[in-house]
Structure formats: structure tokens, C-alpha cells
């Protein structure tokens, strides 16, 4: 059975006329002539092989077939209208669904979000945090923020911020140990995330120090930046962490950079959204605000000369 709908224009004209019971009134609503309405309804009646209207004195009435068709078409055009409305370009006002990696949302986005809400009181942000990437095209989110390159079609992706990875610890620990050489860090717990490129092996290798091979080393591995930062705040070792996530703590003296050398590999976060989203106005407002808030954080890398290779203890 074919799903192709024929005489859709005539059906539309009839649906309006069935509600007004007047070709003249229908023509005014449709912004066409009365003759055009009459012609389209006559075309529909010829196609169906039954009359849809009859006259009772000076009034126009629907036939029994016209009543049945009018009921179906009213429901159909109402459904079509809802469908068109659901994908229509939306105004600035409304809800925006934003998803990001847990640590990014907790440590960077949430503390700043009140500023966006103050600037755009007509936009309601629904924020989700997850370490699983959401599909932008699924309709469950409007914007995602993560540190992966996105190769999906019709996705706009732009760099939000780039940050160096630095060793941080509590000031009390730095005072007690007096970190002067990279090998001094081996005197305490070494905390790292479970991502190969941001581990201590890479950091020590960049210091031209032989690979870690001492089984007695104190290690702690966490699955989020948030967990690692919480650990070092409690004076539990040294953590390799994105600078922008602890910038405020560094400025306040809650944490300190244990050693001046950062990892050569920086971490980058990207903002992603669908090019075909009906919420373009809201998305633009939020993305513009994100870029303003990022403001070059993590871009100023502290440059130090490589020290001479040191013997492994």
C-alpha cells in the first residue's frame, strides 16, 4: 500500500471549509479567492467520487462522507502542525541541555554557571555530567563538552580551552619534602588518572629520567581528575592535573605546583553541537559565554630548561 498522499492542497482547503462551512470565510483564512477554494473542493470530490457538501436553504452543510473526512483531516493537520512546531527554529528563551565530562562539569563549569544564568535569565540550563559521550543527534542534549575529536557529520566542534598538565600537591607536603629535583617526587605518593598520556611514566620520561621500574614506588590511580584533586587537597601525594581545573586553588594557596615542569602534552576540551539544531540562538549564547569564561586559561605554559639526567635512586 502506498503512503503517498494525493490532493493534499485540496484536502487542506476542504478542512478549512469544513470548519467555517463557508467558501468565502475559508478563502479569507487561506488568503486565496473563493473560486480557488471551490475549484479545489470540486477536484477533491471528483477524486473521491462522493459529494462533501450540500446546501440546506442558504446554509452549507457537510454530507455524511464529508463529516467523516473532516474528522480525519482535523486530526491529521493538527498532528502535522505539532510536527512542524517541534522542529521549528526556537527563540532565545527556553531550555538548553548541556552535557560534559564529570570532572570538567564539577570543577570548572558548575562554579561559573551562575554567571551565565545571571546574564541570560530566559535560558534554563539543564546540566548533565557523564564520562560517556552523548550522541548530539539523539536529541537528548544540545551541547557536549569533552576532550575528544568528533568526526560525526553535521557537528560543529571548536576548541574551548587548552591546558598544561602540572604536578600539584598541598603546600604542607611541598614544605616537608622540599621538591628540588624531579626524583624528590618519589618520596611521596604519585597519583595519576588512568589515561596513558597523562601518567607519571610520561612525565619522568620527559625529564630524561630512566623508565619507572621500582616496584616499591607508592602509586595511586584514580578514574577522574576530581578524585585526584580531592586526594592532594588532603595532602595525599602529588597529582598530575590540568592547570585550569585547579587555577583557583593555586591562586588561593590551597594547592601548589610541586615542580615547574609540565607535561609536554596538553589536554584540550572541545564544545560540540549540531549544525542543524533548532536551538541555535540558545547554543550561540552559551558557546559565546563559554569562550569568554575560558579566556585563555591554561595557555600560558611555564617554560623551564631541561635539567641534566639524574641517576635513578
C-alpha atoms as a PDB file:
ATOM      1  CA  UNK A   1       0.000   0.000   0.000  1.00  0.00           C
ATOM      2  CA  UNK A   2       1.397   3.392  -0.999  1.00  0.00           C
ATOM      3  CA  UNK A   3       1.805   6.033   1.740  1.00  0.00           C
ATOM      4  CA  UNK A   4       1.766   8.810  -0.834  1.00  0.00           C
ATOM      5  CA  UNK A   5      -0.928  11.406  -0.106  1.00  0.00           C
ATOM      6  CA  UNK A   6      -2.606  12.865  -3.184  1.00  0.00           C
ATOM      7  CA  UNK A   7      -4.583  16.101  -3.398  1.00  0.00           C
ATOM      8  CA  UNK A   8      -3.043  17.440  -0.179  1.00  0.00           C
ATOM      9  CA  UNK A   9      -3.786  21.046  -1.161  1.00  0.00           C
ATOM     10  CA  UNK A  10      -7.416  20.213  -1.867  1.00  0.00           C
ATOM     11  CA  UNK A  11      -7.655  18.327   1.438  1.00  0.00           C
ATOM     12  CA  UNK A  12      -6.299  21.399   3.256  1.00  0.00           C
ATOM     13  CA  UNK A  13      -8.831  23.694   1.579  1.00  0.00           C
ATOM     14  CA  UNK A  14     -11.636  21.280   2.420  1.00  0.00           C
ATOM     15  CA  UNK A  15     -10.523  21.016   6.066  1.00  0.00           C
ATOM     16  CA  UNK A  16     -10.704  24.793   6.495  1.00  0.00           C
ATOM     17  CA  UNK A  17     -14.049  24.989   4.657  1.00  0.00           C
ATOM     18  CA  UNK A  18     -15.466  22.167   6.807  1.00  0.00           C
ATOM     19  CA  UNK A  19     -14.790  24.277   9.910  1.00  0.00           C
ATOM     20  CA  UNK A  20     -16.171  27.537   8.523  1.00  0.00           C
ATOM     21  CA  UNK A  21     -18.994  25.967   6.444  1.00  0.00           C
ATOM     22  CA  UNK A  22     -18.403  28.827   4.022  1.00  0.00           C
ATOM     23  CA  UNK A  23     -16.216  29.036   0.927  1.00  0.00           C
ATOM     24  CA  UNK A  24     -15.955  32.800   1.435  1.00  0.00           C
ATOM     25  CA  UNK A  25     -14.728  32.530   5.030  1.00  0.00           C
ATOM     26  CA  UNK A  26     -12.377  29.694   4.093  1.00  0.00           C
ATOM     27  CA  UNK A  27     -10.922  31.789   1.283  1.00  0.00           C
ATOM     28  CA  UNK A  28     -10.196  34.635   3.708  1.00  0.00           C
ATOM     29  CA  UNK A  29      -8.377  32.297   6.114  1.00  0.00           C
ATOM     30  CA  UNK A  30      -6.386  30.774   3.281  1.00  0.00           C
ATOM     31  CA  UNK A  31      -5.687  34.147   1.632  1.00  0.00           C
ATOM     32  CA  UNK A  32      -6.983  32.914  -1.734  1.00  0.00           C
ATOM     33  CA  UNK A  33     -10.067  33.604  -3.821  1.00  0.00           C
ATOM     34  CA  UNK A  34     -13.438  31.944  -3.255  1.00  0.00           C
ATOM     35  CA  UNK A  35     -13.169  30.447  -6.735  1.00  0.00           C
ATOM     36  CA  UNK A  36      -9.867  28.770  -5.784  1.00  0.00           C
ATOM     37  CA  UNK A  37     -11.490  27.109  -2.758  1.00  0.00           C
ATOM     38  CA  UNK A  38     -14.469  25.973  -4.838  1.00  0.00           C
ATOM     39  CA  UNK A  39     -12.197  24.568  -7.522  1.00  0.00           C
ATOM     40  CA  UNK A  40     -10.025  22.587  -5.080  1.00  0.00           C
ATOM     41  CA  UNK A  41     -13.032  21.088  -3.257  1.00  0.00           C
ATOM     42  CA  UNK A  42     -14.653  20.145  -6.561  1.00  0.00           C
ATOM     43  CA  UNK A  43     -11.357  18.482  -7.569  1.00  0.00           C
ATOM     44  CA  UNK A  44     -11.356  16.523  -4.306  1.00  0.00           C
ATOM     45  CA  UNK A  45     -14.980  15.441  -4.756  1.00  0.00           C
ATOM     46  CA  UNK A  46     -14.213  14.237  -8.295  1.00  0.00           C
ATOM     47  CA  UNK A  47     -11.254  12.242  -6.966  1.00  0.00           C
ATOM     48  CA  UNK A  48     -13.304  10.667  -4.149  1.00  0.00           C
ATOM     49  CA  UNK A  49     -16.421  10.178  -6.244  1.00  0.00           C
ATOM     50  CA  UNK A  50     -18.720  11.491  -3.488  1.00  0.00           C
ATOM     51  CA  UNK A  51     -20.110  14.938  -2.593  1.00  0.00           C
ATOM     52  CA  UNK A  52     -18.672  16.539   0.541  1.00  0.00           C
ATOM     53  CA  UNK A  53     -21.075  19.479   0.930  1.00  0.00           C
ATOM     54  CA  UNK A  54     -24.765  20.095   0.276  1.00  0.00           C
ATOM     55  CA  UNK A  55     -26.987  23.118   0.649  1.00  0.00           C
ATOM     56  CA  UNK A  56     -29.828  23.409   3.117  1.00  0.00           C
ATOM     57  CA  UNK A  57     -31.572  26.615   2.224  1.00  0.00           C
ATOM     58  CA  UNK A  58     -28.886  29.288   2.289  1.00  0.00           C
ATOM     59  CA  UNK A  59     -26.626  27.248   4.585  1.00  0.00           C
ATOM     60  CA  UNK A  60     -23.916  24.822   3.537  1.00  0.00           C
ATOM     61  CA  UNK A  61     -23.742  21.514   5.341  1.00  0.00           C
ATOM     62  CA  UNK A  62     -21.359  18.532   5.326  1.00  0.00           C
ATOM     63  CA  UNK A  63     -22.555  15.249   3.883  1.00  0.00           C
ATOM     64  CA  UNK A  64     -22.040  12.081   5.906  1.00  0.00           C
ATOM     65  CA  UNK A  65     -18.854  11.386   3.895  1.00  0.00           C
ATOM     66  CA  UNK A  66     -17.769  14.999   4.424  1.00  0.00           C
ATOM     67  CA  UNK A  67     -18.222  14.633   8.199  1.00  0.00           C
ATOM     68  CA  UNK A  68     -16.020  11.513   8.295  1.00  0.00           C
ATOM     69  CA  UNK A  69     -13.321  13.097   6.134  1.00  0.00           C
ATOM     70  CA  UNK A  70     -13.375  16.356   8.110  1.00  0.00           C
ATOM     71  CA  UNK A  71     -12.820  14.488  11.386  1.00  0.00           C
ATOM     72  CA  UNK A  72      -9.823  12.593   9.986  1.00  0.00           C
ATOM     73  CA  UNK A  73      -8.309  15.663   8.372  1.00  0.00           C
ATOM     74  CA  UNK A  74      -8.685  17.756  11.520  1.00  0.00           C
ATOM     75  CA  UNK A  75      -6.632  15.194  13.461  1.00  0.00           C
ATOM     76  CA  UNK A  76      -4.130  14.840  10.615  1.00  0.00           C
ATOM     77  CA  UNK A  77      -3.462  18.569  10.217  1.00  0.00           C
ATOM     78  CA  UNK A  78      -3.233  19.005  13.986  1.00  0.00           C
ATOM     79  CA  UNK A  79      -0.575  16.265  14.037  1.00  0.00           C
ATOM     80  CA  UNK A  80       1.253  17.870  11.114  1.00  0.00           C
ATOM     81  CA  UNK A  81       1.181  21.227  12.900  1.00  0.00           C
ATOM     82  CA  UNK A  82       2.696  19.739  16.047  1.00  0.00           C
ATOM     83  CA  UNK A  83       5.387  18.072  13.964  1.00  0.00           C
ATOM     84  CA  UNK A  84       6.308  21.298  12.218  1.00  0.00           C
ATOM     85  CA  UNK A  85       6.329  23.166  15.522  1.00  0.00           C
ATOM     86  CA  UNK A  86       8.617  20.572  17.125  1.00  0.00           C
ATOM     87  CA  UNK A  87      11.411  21.149  14.597  1.00  0.00           C
ATOM     88  CA  UNK A  88      10.924  24.872  14.014  1.00  0.00           C
ATOM     89  CA  UNK A  89      13.801  27.195  14.876  1.00  0.00           C
ATOM     90  CA  UNK A  90      13.288  28.093  18.533  1.00  0.00           C
ATOM     91  CA  UNK A  91      13.677  31.553  20.115  1.00  0.00           C
ATOM     92  CA  UNK A  92      16.422  32.507  22.558  1.00  0.00           C
ATOM     93  CA  UNK A  93      14.161  31.785  25.515  1.00  0.00           C
ATOM     94  CA  UNK A  94      13.817  28.187  26.688  1.00  0.00           C
ATOM     95  CA  UNK A  95      15.735  25.143  27.858  1.00  0.00           C
ATOM     96  CA  UNK A  96      19.264  24.141  26.846  1.00  0.00           C
ATOM     97  CA  UNK A  97      20.612  20.642  27.548  1.00  0.00           C
ATOM     98  CA  UNK A  98      24.357  20.598  28.252  1.00  0.00           C
ATOM     99  CA  UNK A  99      26.492  17.518  28.884  1.00  0.00           C
ATOM    100  CA  UNK A 100      30.154  17.359  29.920  1.00  0.00           C
ATOM    101  CA  UNK A 101      32.778  15.136  31.479  1.00  0.00           C
ATOM    102  CA  UNK A 102      32.227  14.786  35.221  1.00  0.00           C
ATOM    103  CA  UNK A 103      35.438  16.462  36.341  1.00  0.00           C
ATOM    104  CA  UNK A 104      35.048  19.320  33.863  1.00  0.00           C
ATOM    105  CA  UNK A 105      31.460  19.975  34.943  1.00  0.00           C
ATOM    106  CA  UNK A 106      32.196  19.718  38.682  1.00  0.00           C
ATOM    107  CA  UNK A 107      35.483  21.614  38.802  1.00  0.00           C
ATOM    108  CA  UNK A 108      35.180  24.222  36.059  1.00  0.00           C
ATOM    109  CA  UNK A 109      31.661  24.672  34.706  1.00  0.00           C
ATOM    110  CA  UNK A 110      29.424  24.464  37.783  1.00  0.00           C
ATOM    111  CA  UNK A 111      31.258  27.129  39.829  1.00  0.00           C
ATOM    112  CA  UNK A 112      30.856  29.583  36.925  1.00  0.00           C
ATOM    113  CA  UNK A 113      27.362  28.698  35.695  1.00  0.00           C
ATOM    114  CA  UNK A 114      25.615  31.232  37.893  1.00  0.00           C
ATOM    115  CA  UNK A 115      27.174  33.987  35.791  1.00  0.00           C
ATOM    116  CA  UNK A 116      25.529  32.669  32.640  1.00  0.00           C
ATOM    117  CA  UNK A 117      22.181  32.351  34.412  1.00  0.00           C
ATOM    118  CA  UNK A 118      22.513  35.957  35.588  1.00  0.00           C
ATOM    119  CA  UNK A 119      23.245  37.168  32.042  1.00  0.00           C
ATOM    120  CA  UNK A 120      20.567  35.046  30.349  1.00  0.00           C
ATOM    121  CA  UNK A 121      17.695  34.632  32.783  1.00  0.00           C
ATOM    122  CA  UNK A 122      15.393  33.464  29.978  1.00  0.00           C
ATOM    123  CA  UNK A 123      17.557  30.384  29.283  1.00  0.00           C
ATOM    124  CA  UNK A 124      17.152  27.399  31.587  1.00  0.00           C
ATOM    125  CA  UNK A 125      20.280  25.213  31.632  1.00  0.00           C
ATOM    126  CA  UNK A 126      19.854  21.505  32.319  1.00  0.00           C
ATOM    127  CA  UNK A 127      23.313  20.184  33.077  1.00  0.00           C
ATOM    128  CA  UNK A 128      24.372  16.542  32.822  1.00  0.00           C
ATOM    129  CA  UNK A 129      27.746  15.070  33.762  1.00  0.00           C
ATOM    130  CA  UNK A 130      28.989  11.795  32.373  1.00  0.00           C
ATOM    131  CA  UNK A 131      32.242  10.236  31.235  1.00  0.00           C
ATOM    132  CA  UNK A 132      30.366   8.658  28.319  1.00  0.00           C
ATOM    133  CA  UNK A 133      29.993  10.768  25.171  1.00  0.00           C
ATOM    134  CA  UNK A 134      26.371  11.524  24.269  1.00  0.00           C
ATOM    135  CA  UNK A 135      25.216  11.479  20.650  1.00  0.00           C
ATOM    136  CA  UNK A 136      24.301  15.056  19.723  1.00  0.00           C
ATOM    137  CA  UNK A 137      21.886  13.815  17.062  1.00  0.00           C
ATOM    138  CA  UNK A 138      19.884  11.767  19.602  1.00  0.00           C
ATOM    139  CA  UNK A 139      18.025  14.869  20.805  1.00  0.00           C
ATOM    140  CA  UNK A 140      18.932  14.168  24.442  1.00  0.00           C
ATOM    141  CA  UNK A 141      21.463  17.026  24.603  1.00  0.00           C
ATOM    142  CA  UNK A 142      22.129  20.263  22.728  1.00  0.00           C
ATOM    143  CA  UNK A 143      25.797  20.803  23.660  1.00  0.00           C
ATOM    144  CA  UNK A 144      28.513  18.401  24.746  1.00  0.00           C
ATOM    145  CA  UNK A 145      31.926  19.287  26.168  1.00  0.00           C
ATOM    146  CA  UNK A 146      34.697  16.684  26.081  1.00  0.00           C
ATOM    147  CA  UNK A 147      38.325  16.156  25.167  1.00  0.00           C
ATOM    148  CA  UNK A 148      37.848  14.009  22.072  1.00  0.00           C
ATOM    149  CA  UNK A 149      37.880  14.906  18.396  1.00  0.00           C
ATOM    150  CA  UNK A 150      34.387  14.462  16.940  1.00  0.00           C
ATOM    151  CA  UNK A 151      34.122  13.055  13.417  1.00  0.00           C
ATOM    152  CA  UNK A 152      30.311  12.932  13.171  1.00  0.00           C
ATOM    153  CA  UNK A 153      28.587  14.564  10.225  1.00  0.00           C
ATOM    154  CA  UNK A 154      26.820  17.898  10.727  1.00  0.00           C
ATOM    155  CA  UNK A 155      28.563  18.508  14.054  1.00  0.00           C
ATOM    156  CA  UNK A 156      30.209  21.815  14.830  1.00  0.00           C
ATOM    157  CA  UNK A 157      33.265  21.331  17.044  1.00  0.00           C
ATOM    158  CA  UNK A 158      35.568  24.075  18.272  1.00  0.00           C
ATOM    159  CA  UNK A 159      38.384  24.242  20.790  1.00  0.00           C
ATOM    160  CA  UNK A 160      37.188  25.660  24.096  1.00  0.00           C
ATOM    161  CA  UNK A 161      40.404  25.626  26.061  1.00  0.00           C
ATOM    162  CA  UNK A 162      43.841  24.057  26.120  1.00  0.00           C
ATOM    163  CA  UNK A 163      45.641  23.435  29.373  1.00  0.00           C
ATOM    164  CA  UNK A 164      49.000  22.142  30.522  1.00  0.00           C
ATOM    165  CA  UNK A 165      49.191  19.172  32.895  1.00  0.00           C
ATOM    166  CA  UNK A 166      51.180  20.034  36.022  1.00  0.00           C
ATOM    167  CA  UNK A 167      52.184  18.225  39.239  1.00  0.00           C
ATOM    168  CA  UNK A 168      50.260  19.676  42.180  1.00  0.00           C
ATOM    169  CA  UNK A 169      50.173  18.977  45.886  1.00  0.00           C
ATOM    170  CA  UNK A 170      49.220  20.505  49.227  1.00  0.00           C
ATOM    171  CA  UNK A 171      51.565  23.285  50.449  1.00  0.00           C
ATOM    172  CA  UNK A 172      52.271  21.342  53.666  1.00  0.00           C
ATOM    173  CA  UNK A 173      53.605  18.395  51.668  1.00  0.00           C
ATOM    174  CA  UNK A 174      55.757  20.641  49.478  1.00  0.00           C
ATOM    175  CA  UNK A 175      57.191  22.310  52.595  1.00  0.00           C
ATOM    176  CA  UNK A 176      58.003  18.991  54.282  1.00  0.00           C
ATOM    177  CA  UNK A 177      59.673  17.365  51.274  1.00  0.00           C
ATOM    178  CA  UNK A 178      61.232  20.414  49.600  1.00  0.00           C
ATOM    179  CA  UNK A 179      60.911  19.345  45.947  1.00  0.00           C
ATOM    180  CA  UNK A 180      64.118  20.460  44.233  1.00  0.00           C
ATOM    181  CA  UNK A 181      64.674  17.672  41.688  1.00  0.00           C
ATOM    182  CA  UNK A 182      62.156  15.510  39.855  1.00  0.00           C
ATOM    183  CA  UNK A 183      63.334  12.471  41.803  1.00  0.00           C
ATOM    184  CA  UNK A 184      62.234  14.176  45.042  1.00  0.00           C
ATOM    185  CA  UNK A 185      58.659  13.464  43.980  1.00  0.00           C
ATOM    186  CA  UNK A 186      59.371   9.768  44.512  1.00  0.00           C
ATOM    187  CA  UNK A 187      59.406  10.371  48.258  1.00  0.00           C
ATOM    188  CA  UNK A 188      55.589  10.575  48.338  1.00  0.00           C
ATOM    189  CA  UNK A 189      52.550   9.045  46.687  1.00  0.00           C
ATOM    190  CA  UNK A 190      52.322   9.601  42.938  1.00  0.00           C
ATOM    191  CA  UNK A 191      48.692   9.980  41.894  1.00  0.00           C
ATOM    192  CA  UNK A 192      47.563   9.763  38.280  1.00  0.00           C
ATOM    193  CA  UNK A 193      44.467   9.257  36.133  1.00  0.00           C
ATOM    194  CA  UNK A 194      44.050   6.034  34.174  1.00  0.00           C
ATOM    195  CA  UNK A 195      44.891   7.695  30.850  1.00  0.00           C
ATOM    196  CA  UNK A 196      48.305   6.661  29.437  1.00  0.00           C
ATOM    197  CA  UNK A 197      49.372  10.044  28.050  1.00  0.00           C
ATOM    198  CA  UNK A 198      48.845  11.801  31.396  1.00  0.00           C
ATOM    199  CA  UNK A 199      50.709   9.327  33.623  1.00  0.00           C
ATOM    200  CA  UNK A 200      53.877   9.755  35.640  1.00  0.00           C
ATOM    201  CA  UNK A 201      55.835   7.464  33.316  1.00  0.00           C
ATOM    202  CA  UNK A 202      55.427  10.070  30.585  1.00  0.00           C
ATOM    203  CA  UNK A 203      56.344  12.948  32.885  1.00  0.00           C
ATOM    204  CA  UNK A 204      59.558  11.292  34.139  1.00  0.00           C
ATOM    205  CA  UNK A 205      60.498  10.251  30.603  1.00  0.00           C
ATOM    206  CA  UNK A 206      60.271  13.891  29.532  1.00  0.00           C
ATOM    207  CA  UNK A 207      62.709  14.743  32.338  1.00  0.00           C
ATOM    208  CA  UNK A 208      65.178  12.345  30.661  1.00  0.00           C
ATOM    209  CA  UNK A 209      64.946  10.018  33.603  1.00  0.00           C
ATOM    210  CA  UNK A 210      65.018   6.263  33.057  1.00  0.00           C
ATOM    211  CA  UNK A 211      61.631   4.498  32.990  1.00  0.00           C
ATOM    212  CA  UNK A 212      59.936   3.779  36.277  1.00  0.00           C
ATOM    213  CA  UNK A 213      60.804   0.281  37.358  1.00  0.00           C
ATOM    214  CA  UNK A 214      60.918   0.364  41.133  1.00  0.00           C
ATOM    215  CA  UNK A 215      58.126  -1.875  42.436  1.00  0.00           C
ATOM    216  CA  UNK A 216      58.318  -0.206  45.842  1.00  0.00           C
ATOM    217  CA  UNK A 217      57.100   3.121  44.482  1.00  0.00           C
ATOM    218  CA  UNK A 218      53.936   4.458  46.062  1.00  0.00           C
ATOM    219  CA  UNK A 219      51.202   4.641  43.421  1.00  0.00           C
ATOM    220  CA  UNK A 220      47.577   5.674  43.438  1.00  0.00           C
ATOM    221  CA  UNK A 221      45.432   5.639  40.299  1.00  0.00           C
ATOM    222  CA  UNK A 222      42.084   7.383  40.029  1.00  0.00           C
ATOM    223  CA  UNK A 223      39.464   7.412  37.276  1.00  0.00           C
ATOM    224  CA  UNK A 224      38.709  11.135  37.364  1.00  0.00           C
ATOM    225  CA  UNK A 225      40.502  14.441  37.788  1.00  0.00           C
ATOM    226  CA  UNK A 226      38.062  15.301  40.555  1.00  0.00           C
ATOM    227  CA  UNK A 227      39.144  12.318  42.687  1.00  0.00           C
ATOM    228  CA  UNK A 228      42.829  13.119  42.247  1.00  0.00           C
ATOM    229  CA  UNK A 229      42.374  16.764  43.220  1.00  0.00           C
ATOM    230  CA  UNK A 230      40.410  15.737  46.312  1.00  0.00           C
ATOM    231  CA  UNK A 231      43.268  13.419  47.285  1.00  0.00           C
ATOM    232  CA  UNK A 232      46.026  16.046  47.062  1.00  0.00           C
ATOM    233  CA  UNK A 233      43.931  18.602  48.907  1.00  0.00           C
ATOM    234  CA  UNK A 234      44.070  16.124  51.760  1.00  0.00           C
ATOM    235  CA  UNK A 235      47.912  16.050  51.435  1.00  0.00           C
ATOM    236  CA  UNK A 236      47.831  12.615  49.812  1.00  0.00           C
ATOM    237  CA  UNK A 237      50.764  12.835  47.420  1.00  0.00           C
ATOM    238  CA  UNK A 238      51.351  14.653  44.130  1.00  0.00           C
ATOM    239  CA  UNK A 239      48.883  14.577  41.248  1.00  0.00           C
ATOM    240  CA  UNK A 240      49.331  15.279  37.546  1.00  0.00           C
ATOM    241  CA  UNK A 241      46.415  17.582  36.856  1.00  0.00           C
ATOM    242  CA  UNK A 242      45.161  20.120  34.266  1.00  0.00           C
ATOM    243  CA  UNK A 243      46.136  23.594  35.454  1.00  0.00           C
ATOM    244  CA  UNK A 244      42.760  25.161  34.619  1.00  0.00           C
ATOM    245  CA  UNK A 245      40.962  22.766  36.979  1.00  0.00           C
ATOM    246  CA  UNK A 246      42.991  23.950  39.974  1.00  0.00           C
ATOM    247  CA  UNK A 247      43.724  27.549  38.940  1.00  0.00           C
ATOM    248  CA  UNK A 248      41.639  28.967  41.780  1.00  0.00           C
ATOM    249  CA  UNK A 249      43.268  26.659  44.354  1.00  0.00           C
ATOM    250  CA  UNK A 250      46.717  27.657  43.115  1.00  0.00           C
ATOM    251  CA  UNK A 251      45.879  31.355  43.374  1.00  0.00           C
ATOM    252  CA  UNK A 252      44.470  30.902  46.878  1.00  0.00           C
ATOM    253  CA  UNK A 253      47.416  28.792  48.041  1.00  0.00           C
ATOM    254  CA  UNK A 254      45.243  25.745  48.743  1.00  0.00           C
ATOM    255  CA  UNK A 255      47.459  23.825  46.295  1.00  0.00           C
ATOM    256  CA  UNK A 256      50.918  24.492  44.892  1.00  0.00           C
ATOM    257  CA  UNK A 257      52.775  23.344  41.808  1.00  0.00           C
ATOM    258  CA  UNK A 258      55.208  20.750  43.134  1.00  0.00           C
ATOM    259  CA  UNK A 259      57.680  21.143  40.264  1.00  0.00           C
ATOM    260  CA  UNK A 260      57.789  23.777  37.481  1.00  0.00           C
ATOM    261  CA  UNK A 261      57.845  21.364  34.537  1.00  0.00           C
ATOM    262  CA  UNK A 262      54.516  20.476  32.943  1.00  0.00           C
ATOM    263  CA  UNK A 263      53.839  17.552  30.640  1.00  0.00           C
ATOM    264  CA  UNK A 264      54.660  18.295  27.020  1.00  0.00           C
ATOM    265  CA  UNK A 265      51.220  17.010  26.034  1.00  0.00           C
ATOM    266  CA  UNK A 266      48.426  19.429  26.892  1.00  0.00           C
ATOM    267  CA  UNK A 267      44.785  18.495  27.392  1.00  0.00           C
ATOM    268  CA  UNK A 268      42.194  20.123  25.157  1.00  0.00           C
ATOM    269  CA  UNK A 269      38.459  20.434  25.642  1.00  0.00           C
ATOM    270  CA  UNK A 270      36.030  20.935  22.783  1.00  0.00           C
ATOM    271  CA  UNK A 271      32.471  22.202  22.605  1.00  0.00           C
ATOM    272  CA  UNK A 272      30.197  20.294  20.221  1.00  0.00           C
ATOM    273  CA  UNK A 273      26.700  20.936  18.884  1.00  0.00           C
ATOM    274  CA  UNK A 274      24.568  20.041  15.882  1.00  0.00           C
ATOM    275  CA  UNK A 275      24.710  22.416  12.938  1.00  0.00           C
ATOM    276  CA  UNK A 276      21.007  21.703  12.354  1.00  0.00           C
ATOM    277  CA  UNK A 277      19.809  22.315  15.910  1.00  0.00           C
ATOM    278  CA  UNK A 278      16.586  24.369  16.211  1.00  0.00           C
ATOM    279  CA  UNK A 279      18.077  25.953  19.360  1.00  0.00           C
ATOM    280  CA  UNK A 280      20.806  27.879  17.536  1.00  0.00           C
ATOM    281  CA  UNK A 281      20.155  31.159  19.377  1.00  0.00           C
ATOM    282  CA  UNK A 282      20.470  29.494  22.792  1.00  0.00           C
ATOM    283  CA  UNK A 283      23.504  27.487  21.725  1.00  0.00           C
ATOM    284  CA  UNK A 284      25.288  30.576  20.409  1.00  0.00           C
ATOM    285  CA  UNK A 285      24.645  32.461  23.652  1.00  0.00           C
ATOM    286  CA  UNK A 286      26.051  29.610  25.739  1.00  0.00           C
ATOM    287  CA  UNK A 287      29.064  28.910  23.498  1.00  0.00           C
ATOM    288  CA  UNK A 288      29.959  32.622  23.391  1.00  0.00           C
ATOM    289  CA  UNK A 289      29.805  32.705  27.182  1.00  0.00           C
ATOM    290  CA  UNK A 290      31.966  29.563  27.471  1.00  0.00           C
ATOM    291  CA  UNK A 291      34.649  31.115  25.294  1.00  0.00           C
ATOM    292  CA  UNK A 292      34.587  34.296  27.335  1.00  0.00           C
ATOM    293  CA  UNK A 293      34.907  32.317  30.563  1.00  0.00           C
ATOM    294  CA  UNK A 294      37.768  30.191  29.227  1.00  0.00           C
ATOM    295  CA  UNK A 295      39.584  33.437  28.416  1.00  0.00           C
ATOM    296  CA  UNK A 296      42.905  31.772  27.596  1.00  0.00           C
ATOM    297  CA  UNK A 297      43.135  29.781  30.835  1.00  0.00           C
ATOM    298  CA  UNK A 298      45.873  27.178  30.629  1.00  0.00           C
ATOM    299  CA  UNK A 299      47.516  28.859  27.649  1.00  0.00           C
ATOM    300  CA  UNK A 300      50.470  30.360  29.491  1.00  0.00           C
ATOM    301  CA  UNK A 301      52.868  27.481  29.871  1.00  0.00           C
ATOM    302  CA  UNK A 302      55.676  27.902  32.321  1.00  0.00           C
ATOM    303  CA  UNK A 303      58.817  27.170  30.293  1.00  0.00           C
ATOM    304  CA  UNK A 304      61.876  25.756  32.040  1.00  0.00           C
ATOM    305  CA  UNK A 305      65.103  24.306  30.772  1.00  0.00           C
ATOM    306  CA  UNK A 306      65.580  20.566  30.938  1.00  0.00           C
ATOM    307  CA  UNK A 307      67.834  19.571  33.823  1.00  0.00           C
ATOM    308  CA  UNK A 308      70.629  17.116  33.376  1.00  0.00           C
ATOM    309  CA  UNK A 309      69.643  13.442  33.593  1.00  0.00           C
ATOM    310  CA  UNK A 310      69.718  12.193  37.159  1.00  0.00           C
ATOM    311  CA  UNK A 311      70.543   8.690  38.364  1.00  0.00           C
ATOM    312  CA  UNK A 312      67.559   6.597  39.356  1.00  0.00           C
ATOM    313  CA  UNK A 313      67.511   6.015  43.121  1.00  0.00           C
END
